[in-house]
Amino acid sequence: MAIIVNLDVMMAKRKMSLNELSEKVGLTLSNLSILKTGKAKAIRFSTLDAICKALDCQPADILEYRDKP
């Protein structure tokens, strides 16, 4: 897939654990883990909004498009 999820990078920059983000966003650890590893097929805007608020970032800080060669 050409969409890269940089959630782990933003979490590291904010020094936030998966557990802490899970509590702030209201998602289960397993759902956040699926998103973090790039295995998610979709993300709701409400979830993206909550993650951006919790990490004080923009959607582009979390999601990136890379064209495959």
C-alpha atoms as a PDB file:
ATOM      1  CA  MET A   1       0.000   0.000   0.000  1.00  0.00           C
ATOM      2  CA  ALA A   2       1.227   3.490  -0.796  1.00  0.00           C
ATOM      3  CA  ILE A   3      -0.151   5.033   2.426  1.00  0.00           C
ATOM      4  CA  ILE A   4       2.402   4.981   5.250  1.00  0.00           C
ATOM      5  CA  VAL A   5       1.273   5.370   8.872  1.00  0.00           C
ATOM      6  CA  ASN A   6       3.770   7.317  10.986  1.00  0.00           C
ATOM      7  CA  LEU A   7       1.847   7.017  14.250  1.00  0.00           C
ATOM      8  CA  ASP A   8       4.827   5.491  16.046  1.00  0.00           C
ATOM      9  CA  VAL A   9       7.025   8.432  14.986  1.00  0.00           C
ATOM     10  CA  MET A  10       4.571  10.993  16.374  1.00  0.00           C
ATOM     11  CA  MET A  11       4.123   8.989  19.577  1.00  0.00           C
ATOM     12  CA  ALA A  12       7.899   8.933  20.051  1.00  0.00           C
ATOM     13  CA  LYS A  13       8.161  12.680  19.404  1.00  0.00           C
ATOM     14  CA  ARG A  14       5.476  13.310  22.029  1.00  0.00           C
ATOM     15  CA  LYS A  15       6.923  10.664  24.376  1.00  0.00           C
ATOM     16  CA  MET A  16       3.536   8.979  24.577  1.00  0.00           C
ATOM     17  CA  SER A  17       2.998   5.261  25.046  1.00  0.00           C
ATOM     18  CA  LEU A  18       0.403   3.192  23.218  1.00  0.00           C
ATOM     19  CA  ASN A  19      -1.434   2.726  26.526  1.00  0.00           C
ATOM     20  CA  GLU A  20      -1.580   6.469  27.163  1.00  0.00           C
ATOM     21  CA  LEU A  21      -2.764   7.222  23.624  1.00  0.00           C
ATOM     22  CA  SER A  22      -5.360   4.474  23.900  1.00  0.00           C
ATOM     23  CA  GLU A  23      -6.806   6.074  27.025  1.00  0.00           C
ATOM     24  CA  LYS A  24      -6.827   9.588  25.533  1.00  0.00           C
ATOM     25  CA  VAL A  25      -8.380   8.529  22.240  1.00  0.00           C
ATOM     26  CA  GLY A  26     -10.770   5.882  23.539  1.00  0.00           C
ATOM     27  CA  LEU A  27      -9.578   3.070  21.270  1.00  0.00           C
ATOM     28  CA  THR A  28      -8.502  -0.395  22.291  1.00  0.00           C
ATOM     29  CA  LEU A  29      -4.818  -1.253  22.303  1.00  0.00           C
ATOM     30  CA  SER A  30      -5.392  -3.824  19.580  1.00  0.00           C
ATOM     31  CA  ASN A  31      -7.084  -1.309  17.251  1.00  0.00           C
ATOM     32  CA  LEU A  32      -4.341   1.257  17.813  1.00  0.00           C
ATOM     33  CA  SER A  33      -1.711  -1.414  17.252  1.00  0.00           C
ATOM     34  CA  ILE A  34      -3.333  -2.395  13.937  1.00  0.00           C
ATOM     35  CA  LEU A  35      -3.277   1.242  12.879  1.00  0.00           C
ATOM     36  CA  LYS A  36       0.294   1.787  14.103  1.00  0.00           C
ATOM     37  CA  THR A  37       1.642  -1.195  12.165  1.00  0.00           C
ATOM     38  CA  GLY A  38      -0.075  -0.074   8.958  1.00  0.00           C
ATOM     39  CA  LYS A  39      -2.381  -3.102   8.817  1.00  0.00           C
ATOM     40  CA  ALA A  40      -5.580  -1.030   9.043  1.00  0.00           C
ATOM     41  CA  LYS A  41      -7.700  -0.869   5.894  1.00  0.00           C
ATOM     42  CA  ALA A  42      -9.381   2.414   6.888  1.00  0.00           C
ATOM     43  CA  ILE A  43      -9.550   5.069   9.579  1.00  0.00           C
ATOM     44  CA  ARG A  44     -12.558   7.145  10.575  1.00  0.00           C
ATOM     45  CA  PHE A  45     -12.185  10.908  10.506  1.00  0.00           C
ATOM     46  CA  SER A  46     -13.393  11.001  14.110  1.00  0.00           C
ATOM     47  CA  THR A  47     -10.564   8.641  15.096  1.00  0.00           C
ATOM     48  CA  LEU A  48      -8.002  10.662  13.144  1.00  0.00           C
ATOM     49  CA  ASP A  49      -9.342  13.826  14.801  1.00  0.00           C
ATOM     50  CA  ALA A  50      -9.001  12.306  18.279  1.00  0.00           C
ATOM     51  CA  ILE A  51      -5.452  11.083  17.577  1.00  0.00           C
ATOM     52  CA  CYS A  52      -4.411  14.491  16.216  1.00  0.00           C
ATOM     53  CA  LYS A  53      -5.846  16.214  19.298  1.00  0.00           C
ATOM     54  CA  ALA A  54      -4.098  13.788  21.658  1.00  0.00           C
ATOM     55  CA  LEU A  55      -0.745  14.130  19.864  1.00  0.00           C
ATOM     56  CA  ASP A  56      -1.157  17.828  19.011  1.00  0.00           C
ATOM     57  CA  CYS A  57      -0.356  17.229  15.352  1.00  0.00           C
ATOM     58  CA  GLN A  58      -1.793  17.395  11.851  1.00  0.00           C
ATOM     59  CA  PRO A  59      -3.163  14.410   9.874  1.00  0.00           C
ATOM     60  CA  ALA A  60      -0.181  14.735   7.501  1.00  0.00           C
ATOM     61  CA  ASP A  61       2.127  14.095  10.472  1.00  0.00           C
ATOM     62  CA  ILE A  62       0.523  10.659  10.830  1.00  0.00           C
ATOM     63  CA  LEU A  63      -0.387   9.662   7.264  1.00  0.00           C
ATOM     64  CA  GLU A  64       1.956   9.863   4.296  1.00  0.00           C
ATOM     65  CA  TYR A  65       1.586   8.897   0.636  1.00  0.00           C
ATOM     66  CA  ARG A  66       4.544   7.262  -1.091  1.00  0.00           C
ATOM     67  CA  ASP A  67       4.238   6.169  -4.685  1.00  0.00           C
ATOM     68  CA  LYS A  68       5.692   2.723  -5.167  1.00  0.00           C
ATOM     69  CA  PRO A  69       8.389   2.506  -7.844  1.00  0.00           C
END
